[in-house]
Amino acid sequence: MIMESVQERIRKHYPELTNQQKLAAKYILAEPKTVALQPAKVVGALSGTSETTIIRLSYALAYSGYSELQSEI
């Protein structure tokens, strides 16, 4: 399943994420379909974080940006 690599990256990088990024990461794992279809701003609001947190999380997970994370899902 494609989702596996996003899950693996979150698991691998989880200890070094900020609290806000951890919140966003949990949301991504819980709602992959929403994340795949919505812009970072919406995902930030839904996860109780911000657009900036979602984008920084993407970088922290070694993606080139949010769109790469989305396409991986």
Foldseek 3Di string as FASTA:
>chain_A
DLCVLLVVLCVVLVVVQDPLLNLLSVLCVVCVVCLLPDQLQVSCVVSVHGSVSQQVSCVSSVHPGSNRVSVSD
